[in-house]
Amino acid sequence: APTGVTCYTCHRGNNVPEYVWVTEEA
């Protein structure tokens, strides 16, 4: 709050948000 979030906050026109992460081996 007070701005809140919507789907656009993360996606911004992308199927998958540009900034995501996965666990990888060192």
PDB file of all heavy atoms in Angstrom:
ATOM      1  N   ALA A   1       0.848  -1.205   0.000  1.00  0.00           N
ATOM      2  CA  ALA A   1       0.000   0.000   0.000  1.00  0.00           C
ATOM      3  C   ALA A   1       0.880   1.251   0.000  1.00  0.00           C
ATOM      4  O   ALA A   1       2.016   1.213   0.466  1.00  0.00           O
ATOM      5  CB  ALA A   1      -0.916  -0.010   1.223  1.00  0.00           C
ATOM      6  N   PRO A   2       0.342   2.371  -0.504  1.00  0.00           N
ATOM      7  CA  PRO A   2      -1.016   2.551  -1.043  1.00  0.00           C
ATOM      8  C   PRO A   2      -1.122   2.293  -2.545  1.00  0.00           C
ATOM      9  O   PRO A   2      -2.209   2.342  -3.094  1.00  0.00           O
ATOM     10  CB  PRO A   2      -1.283   4.023  -0.736  1.00  0.00           C
ATOM     11  CG  PRO A   2       0.060   4.670  -0.889  1.00  0.00           C
ATOM     12  CD  PRO A   2       1.050   3.663  -0.368  1.00  0.00           C
ATOM     13  N   THR A   3       0.005   2.031  -3.207  1.00  0.00           N
ATOM     14  CA  THR A   3      -0.060   1.887  -4.667  1.00  0.00           C
ATOM     15  C   THR A   3      -0.639   0.539  -5.083  1.00  0.00           C
ATOM     16  O   THR A   3      -1.362   0.444  -6.067  1.00  0.00           O
ATOM     17  CB  THR A   3       1.338   2.047  -5.281  1.00  0.00           C
ATOM     18  OG1 THR A   3       2.214   1.052  -4.725  1.00  0.00           O
ATOM     19  CG2 THR A   3       1.911   3.412  -4.985  1.00  0.00           C
ATOM     20  N   GLY A   4      -0.322  -0.519  -4.343  1.00  0.00           N
ATOM     21  CA  GLY A   4      -0.802  -1.838  -4.690  1.00  0.00           C
ATOM     22  C   GLY A   4      -0.092  -2.416  -5.895  1.00  0.00           C
ATOM     23  O   GLY A   4       0.772  -1.780  -6.509  1.00  0.00           O
ATOM     24  N   VAL A   5      -0.436  -3.658  -6.214  1.00  0.00           N
ATOM     25  CA  VAL A   5       0.145  -4.327  -7.374  1.00  0.00           C
ATOM     26  C   VAL A   5      -0.958  -4.912  -8.245  1.00  0.00           C
ATOM     27  O   VAL A   5      -2.029  -5.271  -7.752  1.00  0.00           O
ATOM     28  CB  VAL A   5       1.126  -5.447  -6.965  1.00  0.00           C
ATOM     29  CG1 VAL A   5       2.341  -4.870  -6.268  1.00  0.00           C
ATOM     30  CG2 VAL A   5       0.442  -6.483  -6.078  1.00  0.00           C
ATOM     31  N   THR A   6      -0.692  -4.984  -9.520  1.00  0.00           N
ATOM     32  CA  THR A   6      -1.564  -5.665 -10.480  1.00  0.00           C
ATOM     33  C   THR A   6      -0.692  -6.611 -11.289  1.00  0.00           C
ATOM     34  O   THR A   6       0.531  -6.675 -11.093  1.00  0.00           O
ATOM     35  CB  THR A   6      -2.258  -4.668 -11.425  1.00  0.00           C
ATOM     36  OG1 THR A   6      -1.251  -4.067 -12.272  1.00  0.00           O
ATOM     37  CG2 THR A   6      -2.992  -3.585 -10.658  1.00  0.00           C
ATOM     38  N   CYS A   7      -1.287  -7.329 -12.214  1.00  0.00           N
ATOM     39  CA  CYS A   7      -0.509  -8.227 -13.073  1.00  0.00           C
ATOM     40  C   CYS A   7       0.524  -7.436 -13.879  1.00  0.00           C
ATOM     41  O   CYS A   7       1.628  -7.928 -14.145  1.00  0.00           O
ATOM     42  CB  CYS A   7      -1.429  -8.980 -14.027  1.00  0.00           C
ATOM     43  SG  CYS A   7      -2.838  -9.766 -13.225  1.00  0.00           S
ATOM     44  N   TYR A   8       0.187  -6.195 -14.237  1.00  0.00           N
ATOM     45  CA  TYR A   8       1.104  -5.386 -15.045  1.00  0.00           C
ATOM     46  C   TYR A   8       2.366  -5.021 -14.270  1.00  0.00           C
ATOM     47  O   TYR A   8       3.433  -4.857 -14.867  1.00  0.00           O
ATOM     48  CB  TYR A   8       0.411  -4.104 -15.516  1.00  0.00           C
ATOM     49  CG  TYR A   8       1.288  -3.267 -16.428  1.00  0.00           C
ATOM     50  CD1 TYR A   8       1.408  -3.591 -17.782  1.00  0.00           C
ATOM     51  CD2 TYR A   8       2.012  -2.182 -15.934  1.00  0.00           C
ATOM     52  CE1 TYR A   8       2.231  -2.847 -18.619  1.00  0.00           C
ATOM     53  CE2 TYR A   8       2.824  -1.435 -16.764  1.00  0.00           C
ATOM     54  CZ  TYR A   8       2.937  -1.768 -18.107  1.00  0.00           C
ATOM     55  OH  TYR A   8       3.761  -1.037 -18.930  1.00  0.00           O
ATOM     56  N   THR A   9       2.273  -4.902 -12.956  1.00  0.00           N
ATOM     57  CA  THR A   9       3.421  -4.521 -12.151  1.00  0.00           C
ATOM     58  C   THR A   9       4.626  -5.389 -12.472  1.00  0.00           C
ATOM     59  O   THR A   9       5.749  -4.894 -12.587  1.00  0.00           O
ATOM     60  CB  THR A   9       3.097  -4.626 -10.650  1.00  0.00           C
ATOM     61  OG1 THR A   9       1.909  -3.877 -10.371  1.00  0.00           O
ATOM     62  CG2 THR A   9       4.238  -4.090  -9.808  1.00  0.00           C
ATOM     63  N   CYS A  10       4.410  -6.675 -12.642  1.00  0.00           N
ATOM     64  CA  CYS A  10       5.500  -7.607 -12.945  1.00  0.00           C
ATOM     65  C   CYS A  10       5.613  -7.920 -14.428  1.00  0.00           C
ATOM     66  O   CYS A  10       6.721  -7.980 -14.972  1.00  0.00           O
ATOM     67  CB  CYS A  10       5.308  -8.908 -12.172  1.00  0.00           C
ATOM     68  SG  CYS A  10       5.386  -8.738 -10.380  1.00  0.00           S
ATOM     69  N   HIS A  11       4.492  -8.149 -15.096  1.00  0.00           N
ATOM     70  CA  HIS A  11       4.543  -8.660 -16.474  1.00  0.00           C
ATOM     71  C   HIS A  11       4.899  -7.594 -17.510  1.00  0.00           C
ATOM     72  O   HIS A  11       5.704  -7.842 -18.407  1.00  0.00           O
ATOM     73  CB  HIS A  11       3.198  -9.300 -16.826  1.00  0.00           C
ATOM     74  CG  HIS A  11       3.003 -10.645 -16.225  1.00  0.00           C
ATOM     75  ND1 HIS A  11       3.344 -11.810 -16.879  1.00  0.00           N
ATOM     76  CD2 HIS A  11       2.512 -11.025 -15.011  1.00  0.00           C
ATOM     77  CE1 HIS A  11       3.067 -12.849 -16.111  1.00  0.00           C
ATOM     78  NE2 HIS A  11       2.560 -12.399 -14.966  1.00  0.00           N
ATOM     79  N   ARG A  12       4.257  -6.471 -17.473  1.00  0.00           N
ATOM     80  CA  ARG A  12       4.537  -5.350 -18.379  1.00  0.00           C
ATOM     81  C   ARG A  12       4.568  -5.760 -19.851  1.00  0.00           C
ATOM     82  O   ARG A  12       5.473  -5.422 -20.604  1.00  0.00           O
ATOM     83  CB  ARG A  12       5.853  -4.679 -17.980  1.00  0.00           C
ATOM     84  CG  ARG A  12       5.852  -4.301 -16.498  1.00  0.00           C
ATOM     85  CD  ARG A  12       6.882  -3.319 -16.118  1.00  0.00           C
ATOM     86  NE  ARG A  12       6.899  -3.150 -14.653  1.00  0.00           N
ATOM     87  CZ  ARG A  12       7.564  -2.201 -14.024  1.00  0.00           C
ATOM     88  NH1 ARG A  12       8.265  -1.320 -14.713  1.00  0.00           N
ATOM     89  NH2 ARG A  12       7.535  -2.127 -12.701  1.00  0.00           N
ATOM     90  N   GLY A  13       3.543  -6.519 -20.229  1.00  0.00           N
ATOM     91  CA  GLY A  13       3.406  -6.930 -21.616  1.00  0.00           C
ATOM     92  C   GLY A  13       4.097  -8.224 -21.970  1.00  0.00           C
ATOM     93  O   GLY A  13       4.053  -8.655 -23.130  1.00  0.00           O
ATOM     94  N   ASN A  14       4.724  -8.886 -21.007  1.00  0.00           N
ATOM     95  CA  ASN A  14       5.430 -10.150 -21.252  1.00  0.00           C
ATOM     96  C   ASN A  14       4.644 -11.320 -20.676  1.00  0.00           C
ATOM     97  O   ASN A  14       4.057 -11.214 -19.601  1.00  0.00           O
ATOM     98  CB  ASN A  14       6.816 -10.120 -20.597  1.00  0.00           C
ATOM     99  CG  ASN A  14       7.679  -8.990 -21.122  1.00  0.00           C
ATOM    100  OD1 ASN A  14       7.915  -8.883 -22.315  1.00  0.00           O
ATOM    101  ND2 ASN A  14       8.162  -8.146 -20.225  1.00  0.00           N
ATOM    102  N   ASN A  15       4.662 -12.448 -21.378  1.00  0.00           N
ATOM    103  CA  ASN A  15       4.006 -13.653 -20.861  1.00  0.00           C
ATOM    104  C   ASN A  15       4.568 -14.035 -19.494  1.00  0.00           C
ATOM    105  O   ASN A  15       3.824 -14.373 -18.575  1.00  0.00           O
ATOM    106  CB  ASN A  15       4.202 -14.830 -21.819  1.00  0.00           C
ATOM    107  CG  ASN A  15       3.602 -14.590 -23.192  1.00  0.00           C
ATOM    108  OD1 ASN A  15       4.009 -15.204 -24.164  1.00  0.00           O
ATOM    109  ND2 ASN A  15       2.628 -13.685 -23.308  1.00  0.00           N
ATOM    110  N   VAL A  16       5.878 -14.012 -19.390  1.00  0.00           N
ATOM    111  CA  VAL A  16       6.578 -14.254 -18.126  1.00  0.00           C
ATOM    112  C   VAL A  16       7.299 -12.970 -17.762  1.00  0.00           C
ATOM    113  O   VAL A  16       7.932 -12.352 -18.617  1.00  0.00           O
ATOM    114  CB  VAL A  16       7.581 -15.415 -18.258  1.00  0.00           C
ATOM    115  CG1 VAL A  16       8.371 -15.597 -16.965  1.00  0.00           C
ATOM    116  CG2 VAL A  16       6.862 -16.705 -18.620  1.00  0.00           C
ATOM    117  N   PRO A  17       7.222 -12.522 -16.517  1.00  0.00           N
ATOM    118  CA  PRO A  17       7.944 -11.303 -16.140  1.00  0.00           C
ATOM    119  C   PRO A  17       9.416 -11.371 -16.548  1.00  0.00           C
ATOM    120  O   PRO A  17      10.030 -12.441 -16.524  1.00  0.00           O
ATOM    121  CB  PRO A  17       7.782 -11.261 -14.615  1.00  0.00           C
ATOM    122  CG  PRO A  17       6.505 -11.979 -14.360  1.00  0.00           C
ATOM    123  CD  PRO A  17       6.449 -13.074 -15.378  1.00  0.00           C
ATOM    124  N   GLU A  18       9.957 -10.239 -16.901  1.00  0.00           N
ATOM    125  CA  GLU A  18      11.351 -10.203 -17.368  1.00  0.00           C
ATOM    126  C   GLU A  18      12.323 -10.641 -16.283  1.00  0.00           C
ATOM    127  O   GLU A  18      13.336 -11.279 -16.563  1.00  0.00           O
ATOM    128  CB  GLU A  18      11.699  -8.779 -17.816  1.00  0.00           C
ATOM    129  CG  GLU A  18      13.106  -8.635 -18.363  1.00  0.00           C
ATOM    130  CD  GLU A  18      13.405  -7.236 -18.840  1.00  0.00           C
ATOM    131  OE1 GLU A  18      12.507  -6.367 -18.761  1.00  0.00           O
ATOM    132  OE2 GLU A  18      14.542  -6.997 -19.311  1.00  0.00           O
ATOM    133  N   TYR A  19      12.025 -10.331 -15.026  1.00  0.00           N
ATOM    134  CA  TYR A  19      12.945 -10.616 -13.935  1.00  0.00           C
ATOM    135  C   TYR A  19      12.380 -11.707 -13.026  1.00  0.00           C
ATOM    136  O   TYR A  19      11.569 -11.436 -12.140  1.00  0.00           O
ATOM    137  CB  TYR A  19      13.226  -9.340 -13.135  1.00  0.00           C
ATOM    138  CG  TYR A  19      13.833  -8.251 -13.978  1.00  0.00           C
ATOM    139  CD1 TYR A  19      13.060  -7.170 -14.401  1.00  0.00           C
ATOM    140  CD2 TYR A  19      15.166  -8.314 -14.378  1.00  0.00           C
ATOM    141  CE1 TYR A  19      13.614  -6.171 -15.190  1.00  0.00           C
ATOM    142  CE2 TYR A  19      15.720  -7.316 -15.174  1.00  0.00           C
ATOM    143  CZ  TYR A  19      14.931  -6.247 -15.570  1.00  0.00           C
ATOM    144  OH  TYR A  19      15.481  -5.268 -16.363  1.00  0.00           O
ATOM    145  N   VAL A  20      12.775 -12.931 -13.296  1.00  0.00           N
ATOM    146  CA  VAL A  20      12.422 -14.079 -12.466  1.00  0.00           C
ATOM    147  C   VAL A  20      13.699 -14.886 -12.242  1.00  0.00           C
ATOM    148  O   VAL A  20      14.730 -14.610 -12.858  1.00  0.00           O
ATOM    149  CB  VAL A  20      11.339 -14.957 -13.129  1.00  0.00           C
ATOM    150  CG1 VAL A  20       9.995 -14.244 -13.160  1.00  0.00           C
ATOM    151  CG2 VAL A  20      11.748 -15.355 -14.553  1.00  0.00           C
ATOM    152  N   TRP A  21      13.644 -15.888 -11.386  1.00  0.00           N
ATOM    153  CA  TRP A  21      14.859 -16.667 -11.096  1.00  0.00           C
ATOM    154  C   TRP A  21      14.504 -18.124 -10.830  1.00  0.00           C
ATOM    155  O   TRP A  21      13.369 -18.455 -10.470  1.00  0.00           O
ATOM    156  CB  TRP A  21      15.595 -16.089  -9.882  1.00  0.00           C
ATOM    157  CG  TRP A  21      14.814 -16.149  -8.603  1.00  0.00           C
ATOM    158  CD1 TRP A  21      13.876 -15.255  -8.172  1.00  0.00           C
ATOM    159  CD2 TRP A  21      14.864 -17.183  -7.614  1.00  0.00           C
ATOM    160  NE1 TRP A  21      13.353 -15.652  -6.966  1.00  0.00           N
ATOM    161  CE2 TRP A  21      13.939 -16.820  -6.589  1.00  0.00           C
ATOM    162  CE3 TRP A  21      15.605 -18.348  -7.475  1.00  0.00           C
ATOM    163  CZ2 TRP A  21      13.744 -17.619  -5.462  1.00  0.00           C
ATOM    164  CZ3 TRP A  21      15.411 -19.136  -6.346  1.00  0.00           C
ATOM    165  CH2 TRP A  21      14.480 -18.760  -5.360  1.00  0.00           C
ATOM    166  N   VAL A  22      15.469 -18.980 -11.030  1.00  0.00           N
ATOM    167  CA  VAL A  22      15.359 -20.397 -10.701  1.00  0.00           C
ATOM    168  C   VAL A  22      16.627 -20.817  -9.976  1.00  0.00           C
ATOM    169  O   VAL A  22      17.671 -20.167 -10.087  1.00  0.00           O
ATOM    170  CB  VAL A  22      15.162 -21.274 -11.960  1.00  0.00           C
ATOM    171  CG1 VAL A  22      13.834 -20.980 -12.628  1.00  0.00           C
ATOM    172  CG2 VAL A  22      16.320 -21.067 -12.943  1.00  0.00           C
ATOM    173  N   THR A  23      16.535 -21.895  -9.230  1.00  0.00           N
ATOM    174  CA  THR A  23      17.699 -22.416  -8.521  1.00  0.00           C
ATOM    175  C   THR A  23      18.559 -23.225  -9.487  1.00  0.00           C
ATOM    176  O   THR A  23      18.057 -24.114 -10.174  1.00  0.00           O
ATOM    177  CB  THR A  23      17.270 -23.301  -7.337  1.00  0.00           C
ATOM    178  OG1 THR A  23      16.485 -22.511  -6.435  1.00  0.00           O
ATOM    179  CG2 THR A  23      18.474 -23.862  -6.612  1.00  0.00           C
ATOM    180  N   GLU A  24      19.831 -22.890  -9.549  1.00  0.00           N
ATOM    181  CA  GLU A  24      20.756 -23.586 -10.434  1.00  0.00           C
ATOM    182  C   GLU A  24      21.944 -24.101  -9.640  1.00  0.00           C
ATOM    183  O   GLU A  24      22.238 -23.637  -8.542  1.00  0.00           O
ATOM    184  CB  GLU A  24      21.252 -22.640 -11.535  1.00  0.00           C
ATOM    185  CG  GLU A  24      20.145 -22.053 -12.387  1.00  0.00           C
ATOM    186  CD  GLU A  24      20.696 -21.186 -13.503  1.00  0.00           C
ATOM    187  OE1 GLU A  24      21.609 -21.654 -14.209  1.00  0.00           O
ATOM    188  OE2 GLU A  24      20.234 -20.043 -13.647  1.00  0.00           O
ATOM    189  N   GLU A  25      22.642 -25.080 -10.226  1.00  0.00           N
ATOM    190  CA  GLU A  25      23.855 -25.575  -9.594  1.00  0.00           C
ATOM    191  C   GLU A  25      24.909 -24.475  -9.589  1.00  0.00           C
ATOM    192  O   GLU A  25      24.914 -23.598 -10.452  1.00  0.00           O
ATOM    193  CB  GLU A  25      24.391 -26.797 -10.352  1.00  0.00           C
ATOM    194  CG  GLU A  25      23.492 -28.021 -10.265  1.00  0.00           C
ATOM    195  CD  GLU A  25      24.100 -29.214 -10.965  1.00  0.00           C
ATOM    196  OE1 GLU A  25      25.256 -29.087 -11.422  1.00  0.00           O
ATOM    197  OE2 GLU A  25      23.438 -30.262 -11.046  1.00  0.00           O
ATOM    198  N   ALA A  26      25.789 -24.539  -8.607  1.00  0.00           N
ATOM    199  CA  ALA A  26      26.848 -23.538  -8.520  1.00  0.00           C
ATOM    200  C   ALA A  26      27.683 -23.559  -9.799  1.00  0.00           C
ATOM    201  O   ALA A  26      28.054 -24.623 -10.293  1.00  0.00           O
ATOM    202  CB  ALA A  26      27.734 -23.818  -7.313  1.00  0.00           C
TER     203      ALA A  26
END
